[in-house]
Each structure stands twice: as C-alpha cells, then as structure tokens.
Amino acid sequence: MKHTLLEEIDRGSRTAQLKLNILKFYVDSGDNTLSELGKEMDLSIPTVTKLVGELIDEGYVIDFGKVETTGGRHPNIYGLNPDSGCFLGVDIKKFRVNLALINFKGEMIDSLLNVPFNYENTIESFDSLCKIIENYISSLTIPKLKILSSGINISGRINTQTGHSYSMYYFSEQPLTDIFHERLGIHVTIDNDSRAMAYGEFKKGVVKDEKNILFVNCSWGLGLGIITNGQLYYGKSGFSGEFGHLSVFDNDVICHCGKKGCLETQASGSYIHRRFIEKMNEGNSSILDNKKKKGEIIILEDILEAALQEDMLAIELIEEVGITLGKQIAGLINLFNPELVIIGGAVALTGDYLLLPIRSAVKKFSLNLVSKDTSLKLSKLGDIAGVMGACLLARSKMLGIIQ
C-alpha cells in the first residue's frame, strides 16, 4: 500500500486509523455495502461515505456498482482495489523454492514453483536464495514499486517481531529482514514456514468456519502451526509450534537441533528418506532401483512419487510415519481440543497413505470425549499452502492485522 497512509497512522492520525480499519474489514469480510460497513465499525453512514470516498481517491478501494436485491433501492458494493499493490511470497523447501505474487485483494496473480535450491545454513545458500528472488522479481511484468511487501518462510525458530531467524541464516546480530531488505530493495517480513502454511490454509484452503486449528507440517522436518480463536499463536518470542522437537524416542539419532530422541527423527520426511536408503542398501526392492544403480541421487520427492506409483517400500515407510505421527497428534488433540487438525506438507501429498494411519492412531490414543469434536483433514492447498500463506502474511502484517 502507499506508505503515506502508514505514515499518517504512525503520526497518530485518527482518520488514517479508521481508513486502515476499513481496509482490514474488506480483507476479512470481502466486498460489502456502506451500510454493512457502518454497522460493523459503529460509524455513521456520512462518516463511512466520506472515508471510503477518500480511500477510492487514494486508490485503495473501488466501487463495484449496484448489487441485485429483491426490491427497493439497489446499494453499491465496495471493496479492495486489486490493482493498488501486490505482495510477494517466498516459501523455502529443502531442495526447492516456491515464489508467488498476490494482488491487494489476496488473489494469486503469478507463481513460479519448484525452483531448484539447496537449503543450507551458509552464506552461499543465502546468496543463492536472494538471486532466485531477484530473478523472479525481474521476470514480472509489474514494476518493482508495486510490490508493497514480501513474506519469506523459514524453518525453525523465527522472531517475526524483531526479524531474526535463529535456526537458519543467523550470521550476525542484524535482523535478517534488514539484510533481505538491503539485498532485495523491498520491504521484507519473515515467519516460520509451518505457521505460514497454517495461515494460507486458514484464509484460502480447507478451513470453513473453524477458529481453533492445528496445522501439522510433515515435510523434510516436522512443524506445527497453531490458530486459536481465529488468530495465529506465536508464543512469547515467536517460537511456538516446535512439534518435531518433542523428546519422544530413546534413540541415538541426532536431530538437526543437536539433541537426540526428537519426534522428527522418526516421524518426518527426513526419516522416510533415511530409512528408505538404508532399506535399499539392505536389499529391499523398489521402483527406484534403476535410479540407485545409475548412481543418481534419490531425494524425498522421488520416494513420495514412488508411493503414488504403489511402491510398497515407500508406502510402508509412510504408513509407519503416519502411525507414529497419529499417536502424537492424539496428544495434541487431548491438549488443545481443536475443531480441526490439518495434515499438510510434502509427505501429506501422498494422501490416504499418510492420512489413514494417522486417523487410526488418533482414534486409538486420543480421549473420545475430546476428539469427537475434532475434524481431521488433508491440506486443500497442498504444495502452495506455504507460498500462499507467505503472501497473505505479508499483506496482513503491512495492514496491521497481524502485529
């Protein structure tokens, strides 16, 4: 959005704050009439008319014309002007990056998915990521100035308030958001990838009217996005949702967090990948045998695709993870009593191969009185949940919907 409105808000302008509240209303409720807007905001029709008129002049709101009614006068419908600005989203995976652009109304207008990338905690990896983002921005037909903000998803512990990432790319005390801004030349916010996926699903995915939601991100790692009463839950420092680092097992596998026994070591895509390679080396057959014989690298996505082609070794490992994961999700249900648990992430793209064993374990290990009101569903957005969430979070943070 044009920064003049934000600057007016910073100066304490009540009119500017009311305008921002109107924009928030249109984000949450969609296009509407002035009378409905006035009721929701407890403002008179003349005041609402004046404020919306100014927002139209400033380019944020558009008059969509008359709405059809059964009788009487036909009121005009107003809503966000989709052309008043765009928001960029970047979702970092283990071996690839997804990028997308939404307009001011929250509609995806461009995307570039599955860009090859090696996600490592190194300066070289960071430089490579910045180059991918720069190339994407350069390829767009819209001018760079139209990008009002960008959201970048990063795994691990993120303090979105200060702009620090403590798990990846923590090279100095300078906020990572400032480093991105200096490199890319646009406003940048960062957030945890699982939380962004939860937000994307909440706004544009499988969520209907539910307000208390858990999003389980089973990808290379294992994360959790938490929504309570319709709001993202961050915790004190933004570190909530470290589901994968519950100490569950008595094993000698060192998790990437440096500890042993984490849930992630036996219930994640990295576990599926590790055990799949071990079992192949032990002589178990797979449709990926030829790839192995040629000396080609087998990545997680190869294994998940093999499962969809009914490879029994891949299916067995996914089902094993589903049972393990379902037992721990049962504990989350007992703890949070959510309306909805969404299973997402790369491994969830295998559908019922993961979902059915999770359902079975949840039914077995959760308290019936608690779990009977909880729905369990697969992500609707699938692989674009993260990048859509990144775009929407960039908009919501710019508008102050999320602090």
Protein backbone atom coordinates (compact mmCIF):
# COMPACT_ATOMS: atom_id res chain seq x y z
CA MET A 1 0.00 0.00 0.00
CA LYS A 2 1.09 3.60 -0.39
CA HIS A 3 3.24 4.40 2.59
CA THR A 4 1.57 7.78 3.17
CA LEU A 5 -1.34 6.11 4.98
CA LEU A 6 1.02 4.16 7.24
CA GLU A 7 2.99 7.32 7.94
CA GLU A 8 -0.24 9.12 8.91
CA ILE A 9 -1.06 6.26 11.31
CA ASP A 10 2.40 6.49 12.85
CA ARG A 11 1.78 10.18 13.46
CA GLY A 12 -1.36 9.26 15.40
CA SER A 13 -3.93 10.30 12.80
CA ARG A 14 -7.37 9.01 13.85
CA THR A 15 -8.73 9.37 10.31
CA ALA A 16 -5.86 7.28 8.92
CA GLN A 17 -6.51 4.60 11.56
CA LEU A 18 -10.19 4.47 10.62
CA LYS A 19 -9.22 4.08 6.96
CA LEU A 20 -6.88 1.24 7.88
CA ASN A 21 -9.70 -0.41 9.86
CA ILE A 22 -11.89 -0.20 6.76
CA LEU A 23 -9.21 -1.94 4.71
CA LYS A 24 -8.96 -4.64 7.40
CA PHE A 25 -12.73 -5.09 7.24
CA TYR A 26 -12.61 -5.64 3.48
CA VAL A 27 -9.74 -8.13 3.91
CA ASP A 28 -11.69 -10.15 6.48
CA SER A 29 -15.24 -9.78 5.14
CA GLY A 30 -14.84 -9.17 1.42
CA ASP A 31 -16.79 -6.70 -0.70
CA ASN A 32 -19.70 -5.05 1.08
CA THR A 33 -22.14 -2.15 1.21
CA LEU A 34 -21.54 1.08 3.10
CA SER A 35 -24.40 0.33 5.47
CA GLU A 36 -22.91 -3.04 6.45
CA LEU A 37 -19.51 -1.44 6.87
CA GLY A 38 -21.03 1.25 9.09
CA LYS A 39 -22.77 -1.34 11.28
CA GLU A 40 -19.61 -3.39 11.73
CA MET A 41 -17.46 -0.37 12.55
CA ASP A 42 -20.13 1.51 14.52
CA LEU A 43 -19.82 4.56 12.29
CA SER A 44 -22.46 6.79 10.74
CA ILE A 45 -23.24 6.49 7.05
CA PRO A 46 -21.95 10.03 6.31
CA THR A 47 -18.64 9.23 8.05
CA VAL A 48 -18.26 5.91 6.25
CA THR A 49 -19.15 7.51 2.92
CA LYS A 50 -16.50 10.20 3.43
CA LEU A 51 -13.77 7.74 4.47
CA VAL A 52 -14.49 5.26 1.66
CA GLY A 53 -14.58 8.13 -0.81
CA GLU A 54 -11.09 9.18 0.28
CA LEU A 55 -9.85 5.58 0.01
CA ILE A 56 -11.25 5.45 -3.54
CA ASP A 57 -9.42 8.68 -4.40
CA GLU A 58 -6.22 7.24 -2.91
CA GLY A 59 -6.60 4.06 -4.96
CA TYR A 60 -7.15 1.51 -2.19
CA VAL A 61 -10.89 0.87 -2.64
CA ILE A 62 -13.09 0.51 -5.71
CA ASP A 63 -16.83 0.93 -6.30
CA PHE A 64 -18.09 -2.26 -7.93
CA GLY A 65 -21.55 -0.83 -8.70
CA LYS A 66 -25.07 -1.87 -7.76
CA VAL A 67 -25.90 -5.16 -6.10
CA GLU A 68 -29.00 -7.10 -7.13
CA THR A 69 -31.74 -7.15 -4.46
CA THR A 70 -35.32 -8.41 -4.36
CA GLY A 71 -36.76 -4.93 -4.09
CA GLY A 72 -36.18 -1.31 -3.11
CA ARG A 73 -33.06 0.67 -3.83
CA HIS A 74 -30.01 -1.19 -5.01
CA PRO A 75 -26.98 -0.30 -2.86
CA ASN A 76 -23.47 -0.10 -4.24
CA ILE A 77 -20.83 -2.68 -3.35
CA TYR A 78 -17.34 -1.54 -2.35
CA GLY A 79 -14.15 -3.50 -1.83
CA LEU A 80 -10.39 -3.58 -2.14
CA ASN A 81 -8.89 -2.36 -5.40
CA PRO A 82 -6.88 -5.38 -6.61
CA ASP A 83 -4.52 -3.13 -8.60
CA SER A 84 -3.43 -0.88 -5.72
CA GLY A 85 -0.43 -3.07 -4.91
CA CYS A 86 1.00 -6.58 -4.76
CA PHE A 87 2.59 -8.83 -2.16
CA LEU A 88 5.39 -11.31 -2.80
CA GLY A 89 5.64 -14.69 -1.08
CA VAL A 90 8.69 -16.97 -0.86
CA ASP A 91 8.43 -20.50 0.55
CA ILE A 92 11.75 -22.29 1.09
CA LYS A 93 11.83 -26.09 0.86
CA LYS A 94 14.75 -28.45 1.42
CA PHE A 95 15.65 -28.72 -2.27
CA ARG A 96 13.49 -26.07 -3.96
CA VAL A 97 11.79 -22.69 -3.62
CA ASN A 98 8.22 -21.62 -4.42
CA LEU A 99 7.51 -17.97 -5.25
CA ALA A 100 4.21 -16.22 -5.89
CA LEU A 101 2.53 -12.83 -6.11
CA ILE A 102 -0.93 -11.82 -4.90
CA ASN A 103 -2.81 -8.62 -5.67
CA PHE A 104 -4.18 -6.31 -2.98
CA LYS A 105 -7.37 -8.36 -2.84
CA GLY A 106 -5.47 -11.55 -2.00
CA GLU A 107 -5.78 -13.26 -5.39
CA MET A 108 -2.73 -15.10 -6.72
CA ILE A 109 -1.72 -13.46 -9.99
CA ASP A 110 1.65 -15.10 -10.65
CA SER A 111 3.74 -18.02 -9.39
CA LEU A 112 6.99 -19.83 -10.02
CA LEU A 113 7.14 -23.23 -8.34
CA ASN A 114 9.83 -25.83 -7.71
CA VAL A 115 12.87 -23.68 -8.45
CA PRO A 116 15.91 -25.91 -7.68
CA PHE A 117 17.65 -24.84 -4.48
CA ASN A 118 19.90 -26.33 -1.81
CA TYR A 119 18.69 -25.13 1.59
CA GLU A 120 21.76 -24.93 3.84
CA ASN A 121 22.78 -22.67 6.68
CA THR A 122 25.55 -21.00 4.68
CA ILE A 123 26.27 -17.63 3.13
CA GLU A 124 26.37 -19.34 -0.27
CA SER A 125 22.85 -20.72 0.21
CA PHE A 126 21.58 -17.31 1.31
CA ASP A 127 23.15 -15.62 -1.72
CA SER A 128 21.61 -18.24 -4.00
CA LEU A 129 18.18 -17.63 -2.45
CA CYS A 130 18.47 -13.88 -2.93
CA LYS A 131 19.46 -14.39 -6.56
CA ILE A 132 16.38 -16.59 -7.14
CA ILE A 133 14.13 -13.90 -5.64
CA GLU A 134 15.83 -11.12 -7.62
CA ASN A 135 15.45 -13.06 -10.86
CA TYR A 136 11.78 -13.68 -10.14
CA ILE A 137 11.10 -10.00 -9.44
CA SER A 138 12.91 -9.07 -12.66
CA SER A 139 10.75 -11.52 -14.64
CA LEU A 140 7.48 -9.92 -13.51
CA THR A 141 5.55 -7.64 -15.82
CA ILE A 142 4.58 -5.33 -12.95
CA PRO A 143 7.04 -2.68 -11.74
CA LYS A 144 9.00 -3.44 -8.58
CA LEU A 145 7.49 -0.40 -6.85
CA LYS A 146 4.10 -2.12 -6.95
CA ILE A 147 5.40 -4.80 -4.55
CA LEU A 148 4.40 -3.33 -1.20
CA SER A 149 5.91 -6.06 0.95
CA SER A 150 7.22 -9.60 0.81
CA GLY A 151 6.92 -12.55 3.17
CA ILE A 152 9.64 -15.19 3.35
CA ASN A 153 9.06 -18.54 5.09
CA ILE A 154 11.98 -20.01 7.02
CA SER A 155 12.02 -23.23 9.03
CA GLY A 156 12.81 -23.26 12.73
CA ARG A 157 12.79 -20.54 15.33
CA ILE A 158 11.72 -17.16 13.95
CA ASN A 159 11.07 -13.97 15.89
CA THR A 160 8.85 -12.19 13.41
CA GLN A 161 8.69 -9.09 15.63
CA THR A 162 12.43 -8.44 15.59
CA GLY A 163 13.05 -10.00 12.18
CA HIS A 164 15.59 -12.54 13.48
CA SER A 165 15.94 -16.14 12.36
CA TYR A 166 17.76 -18.25 14.93
CA SER A 167 17.78 -21.61 13.13
CA MET A 168 18.81 -20.64 9.60
CA TYR A 169 20.84 -17.72 8.21
CA TYR A 170 21.76 -16.38 11.66
CA PHE A 171 25.06 -14.87 10.56
CA SER A 172 25.04 -11.66 12.59
CA GLU A 173 23.05 -9.74 15.20
CA GLN A 174 21.49 -7.65 12.42
CA PRO A 175 17.87 -8.69 11.78
CA LEU A 176 17.59 -10.99 8.78
CA THR A 177 14.71 -8.85 7.49
CA ASP A 178 17.08 -5.87 7.26
CA ILE A 179 19.65 -7.96 5.40
CA PHE A 180 17.00 -9.12 2.93
CA HIS A 181 15.76 -5.54 2.52
CA GLU A 182 19.25 -4.26 1.75
CA ARG A 183 19.77 -7.04 -0.78
CA LEU A 184 16.36 -7.07 -2.48
CA GLY A 185 15.33 -3.43 -2.19
CA ILE A 186 11.81 -4.22 -0.96
CA HIS A 187 10.15 -4.43 2.46
CA VAL A 188 10.56 -7.94 3.91
CA THR A 189 8.97 -9.87 6.77
CA ILE A 190 9.85 -13.42 7.80
CA ASP A 191 7.84 -16.12 9.52
CA ASN A 192 8.03 -19.79 10.40
CA ASP A 193 7.11 -21.99 7.43
CA SER A 194 4.56 -24.15 9.31
CA ARG A 195 2.82 -21.06 10.69
CA ALA A 196 2.63 -19.54 7.22
CA MET A 197 1.16 -22.77 5.84
CA ALA A 198 -1.46 -22.72 8.58
CA TYR A 199 -2.36 -19.13 7.70
CA GLY A 200 -2.61 -19.91 4.00
CA GLU A 201 -4.92 -22.82 4.71
CA PHE A 202 -6.95 -20.71 7.16
CA LYS A 203 -7.55 -17.94 4.64
CA LYS A 204 -7.72 -19.77 1.31
CA GLY A 205 -7.81 -23.51 1.98
CA VAL A 206 -9.79 -26.22 3.74
CA VAL A 207 -10.88 -24.09 6.72
CA LYS A 208 -14.52 -23.03 6.71
CA ASP A 209 -15.81 -21.51 9.96
CA GLU A 210 -13.35 -23.16 12.33
CA LYS A 211 -11.42 -20.83 14.64
CA ASN A 212 -9.28 -23.28 16.66
CA ILE A 213 -6.98 -25.15 14.32
CA LEU A 214 -3.74 -27.12 14.33
CA PHE A 215 -1.75 -27.44 11.11
CA VAL A 216 0.75 -30.32 11.14
CA ASN A 217 3.50 -29.78 8.58
CA CYS A 218 5.07 -33.13 7.73
CA SER A 219 7.80 -32.27 5.24
CA TRP A 220 11.56 -32.82 5.48
CA GLY A 221 11.13 -31.78 9.11
CA LEU A 222 8.06 -31.66 11.33
CA GLY A 223 6.36 -28.45 12.44
CA LEU A 224 3.10 -27.14 13.82
CA GLY A 225 1.06 -24.03 13.09
CA ILE A 226 -1.43 -23.05 15.80
CA ILE A 227 -4.53 -20.89 15.37
CA THR A 228 -6.62 -20.06 18.44
CA ASN A 229 -9.85 -18.09 18.25
CA GLY A 230 -9.06 -17.20 14.65
CA GLN A 231 -5.62 -15.76 15.45
CA LEU A 232 -2.16 -17.17 14.83
CA TYR A 233 -0.48 -18.19 18.06
CA TYR A 234 3.17 -17.12 18.24
CA GLY A 235 4.13 -17.59 21.87
CA LYS A 236 6.34 -15.18 23.82
CA SER A 237 9.14 -14.90 21.24
CA GLY A 238 7.51 -16.38 18.14
CA PHE A 239 8.90 -19.86 18.75
CA SER A 240 5.64 -21.78 19.22
CA GLY A 241 4.97 -24.93 17.22
CA GLU A 242 8.24 -26.86 17.62
CA PHE A 243 6.29 -30.11 17.47
CA GLY A 244 9.10 -32.04 15.83
CA HIS A 245 11.40 -31.46 18.79
CA LEU A 246 9.29 -33.14 21.43
CA SER A 247 11.55 -35.65 23.16
CA VAL A 248 9.74 -38.91 22.38
CA PHE A 249 12.24 -41.65 21.50
CA ASP A 250 15.17 -43.35 23.16
CA ASN A 251 17.28 -43.47 20.02
CA ASP A 252 20.79 -42.41 19.05
CA VAL A 253 19.74 -40.37 16.03
CA ILE A 254 20.99 -36.80 16.35
CA CYS A 255 18.30 -34.36 15.26
CA HIS A 256 19.37 -31.25 13.34
CA CYS A 257 18.60 -29.30 16.55
CA GLY A 258 21.53 -31.14 18.14
CA LYS A 259 19.53 -33.31 20.55
CA LYS A 260 18.59 -36.99 20.45
CA GLY A 261 15.17 -38.60 20.64
CA CYS A 262 13.17 -35.86 18.90
CA LEU A 263 9.86 -36.85 17.32
CA GLU A 264 11.19 -35.57 13.99
CA THR A 265 13.86 -38.30 13.94
CA GLN A 266 11.16 -40.96 13.38
CA ALA A 267 8.16 -39.03 12.05
CA SER A 268 9.18 -36.83 9.14
CA GLY A 269 10.25 -36.80 5.52
CA SER A 270 13.90 -36.92 6.56
CA TYR A 271 13.19 -40.17 8.44
CA ILE A 272 11.40 -41.65 5.41
CA HIS A 273 14.35 -40.69 3.22
CA ARG A 274 16.96 -42.07 5.61
CA ARG A 275 15.19 -45.40 6.19
CA PHE A 276 14.34 -45.81 2.50
CA ILE A 277 18.01 -45.55 1.53
CA GLU A 278 19.01 -47.89 4.37
CA LYS A 279 16.44 -50.49 3.33
CA MET A 280 17.50 -50.30 -0.32
CA ASN A 281 21.09 -50.88 0.79
CA GLU A 282 19.85 -53.89 2.78
CA GLY A 283 18.42 -55.39 -0.40
CA ASN A 284 14.78 -54.28 -0.35
CA SER A 285 13.42 -53.71 -3.85
CA SER A 286 11.81 -50.56 -5.17
CA ILE A 287 10.85 -48.97 -8.47
CA LEU A 288 13.74 -46.61 -7.76
CA ASP A 289 16.30 -49.46 -8.08
CA ASN A 290 17.42 -48.29 -11.53
CA LYS A 291 17.98 -44.75 -10.25
CA LYS A 292 20.17 -46.18 -7.48
CA LYS A 293 22.13 -48.42 -9.88
CA LYS A 294 22.90 -45.43 -12.09
CA GLY A 295 24.36 -43.66 -9.08
CA GLU A 296 21.73 -40.92 -9.22
CA ILE A 297 20.74 -39.14 -6.01
CA ILE A 298 17.36 -40.18 -4.61
CA ILE A 299 15.57 -37.29 -2.89
CA LEU A 300 12.43 -37.30 -0.74
CA GLU A 301 10.20 -36.22 -3.63
CA ASP A 302 11.31 -39.31 -5.59
CA ILE A 303 10.19 -41.54 -2.72
CA LEU A 304 6.83 -39.79 -2.35
CA GLU A 305 6.24 -40.07 -6.10
CA ALA A 306 7.16 -43.78 -5.90
CA ALA A 307 4.49 -44.25 -3.21
CA LEU A 308 1.89 -42.73 -5.54
CA GLN A 309 3.00 -45.34 -8.10
CA GLU A 310 2.29 -48.05 -5.48
CA ASP A 311 5.90 -48.72 -4.47
CA MET A 312 5.47 -50.92 -1.39
CA LEU A 313 8.70 -49.90 0.31
CA ALA A 314 7.77 -46.23 0.13
CA ILE A 315 4.17 -46.91 1.21
CA GLU A 316 5.26 -48.96 4.24
CA LEU A 317 7.53 -46.19 5.49
CA ILE A 318 4.86 -43.52 5.01
CA GLU A 319 2.35 -45.65 6.89
CA GLU A 320 4.88 -46.15 9.69
CA VAL A 321 5.32 -42.41 9.99
CA GLY A 322 1.52 -41.98 9.92
CA ILE A 323 1.08 -44.28 12.92
CA THR A 324 3.89 -42.58 14.87
CA LEU A 325 2.60 -39.14 14.00
CA GLY A 326 -1.02 -40.04 14.75
CA LYS A 327 -0.14 -41.09 18.29
CA GLN A 328 1.46 -37.71 18.97
CA ILE A 329 -1.36 -35.80 17.25
CA ALA A 330 -3.73 -37.60 19.62
CA GLY A 331 -1.77 -35.96 22.43
CA LEU A 332 -2.14 -32.55 20.76
CA ILE A 333 -5.90 -33.10 20.47
CA ASN A 334 -6.09 -34.02 24.16
CA LEU A 335 -4.11 -30.87 24.97
CA PHE A 336 -5.70 -28.27 22.65
CA ASN A 337 -9.20 -29.68 21.97
CA PRO A 338 -9.16 -28.13 18.44
CA GLU A 339 -12.04 -28.01 15.98
CA LEU A 340 -9.81 -29.01 13.09
CA VAL A 341 -6.43 -30.66 12.55
CA ILE A 342 -4.98 -30.18 9.07
CA ILE A 343 -2.29 -32.52 7.79
CA GLY A 344 -0.06 -30.76 5.26
CA GLY A 345 3.46 -30.63 3.92
CA ALA A 346 5.30 -32.70 1.32
CA VAL A 347 4.53 -36.10 2.87
CA ALA A 348 0.81 -35.25 3.02
CA LEU A 349 0.81 -35.07 -0.79
CA THR A 350 0.65 -38.90 -0.66
CA GLY A 351 -2.93 -38.54 0.59
CA ASP A 352 -4.52 -41.53 2.31
CA TYR A 353 -1.19 -43.35 2.58
CA LEU A 354 -0.42 -40.88 5.38
CA LEU A 355 -3.90 -39.80 6.48
CA LEU A 356 -5.46 -43.23 7.15
CA PRO A 357 -2.82 -44.48 9.63
CA ILE A 358 -2.95 -41.07 11.33
CA ARG A 359 -6.74 -41.40 11.70
CA SER A 360 -6.39 -44.89 13.11
CA ALA A 361 -3.78 -43.85 15.68
CA VAL A 362 -5.72 -40.72 16.69
CA LYS A 363 -8.81 -42.82 17.29
CA LYS A 364 -6.82 -45.29 19.36
CA PHE A 365 -4.82 -42.89 21.52
CA SER A 366 -6.97 -39.76 21.95
CA LEU A 367 -9.69 -39.26 24.56
CA ASN A 368 -13.00 -39.92 22.82
CA LEU A 369 -14.81 -37.10 24.62
CA VAL A 370 -12.16 -34.64 23.42
CA SER A 371 -11.52 -35.91 19.90
CA LYS A 372 -15.16 -36.43 18.90
CA ASP A 373 -15.47 -32.72 18.09
CA THR A 374 -12.23 -32.60 16.08
CA SER A 375 -12.16 -32.99 12.30
CA LEU A 376 -9.02 -34.35 10.65
CA LYS A 377 -8.42 -33.24 7.06
CA LEU A 378 -5.70 -33.05 4.45
CA SER A 379 -4.47 -29.65 3.29
CA LYS A 380 -6.51 -28.31 0.38
CA LEU A 381 -3.77 -26.01 -0.93
CA GLY A 382 -1.17 -28.77 -0.92
CA ASP A 383 2.22 -27.64 -2.16
CA ILE A 384 1.22 -23.97 -2.46
CA ALA A 385 -0.03 -23.62 1.14
CA GLY A 386 3.29 -22.14 2.23
CA VAL A 387 3.75 -19.62 -0.55
CA MET A 388 0.12 -18.51 -0.36
CA GLY A 389 0.50 -18.09 3.39
CA ALA A 390 3.68 -16.07 2.87
CA CYS A 391 1.89 -13.69 0.50
CA LEU A 392 -1.11 -13.27 2.81
CA LEU A 393 1.07 -12.77 5.89
CA ALA A 394 2.97 -10.01 4.08
CA ARG A 395 -0.34 -8.25 3.42
CA SER A 396 -1.74 -8.81 6.91
CA LYS A 397 1.42 -7.53 8.59
CA MET A 398 1.52 -4.46 6.35
CA LEU A 399 -2.11 -3.69 7.27
CA GLY A 400 -1.53 -4.38 10.96
CA ILE A 401 -3.96 -7.32 11.04
CA ILE A 402 -1.08 -9.36 12.47
CA GLN A 403 1.31 -7.45 14.72
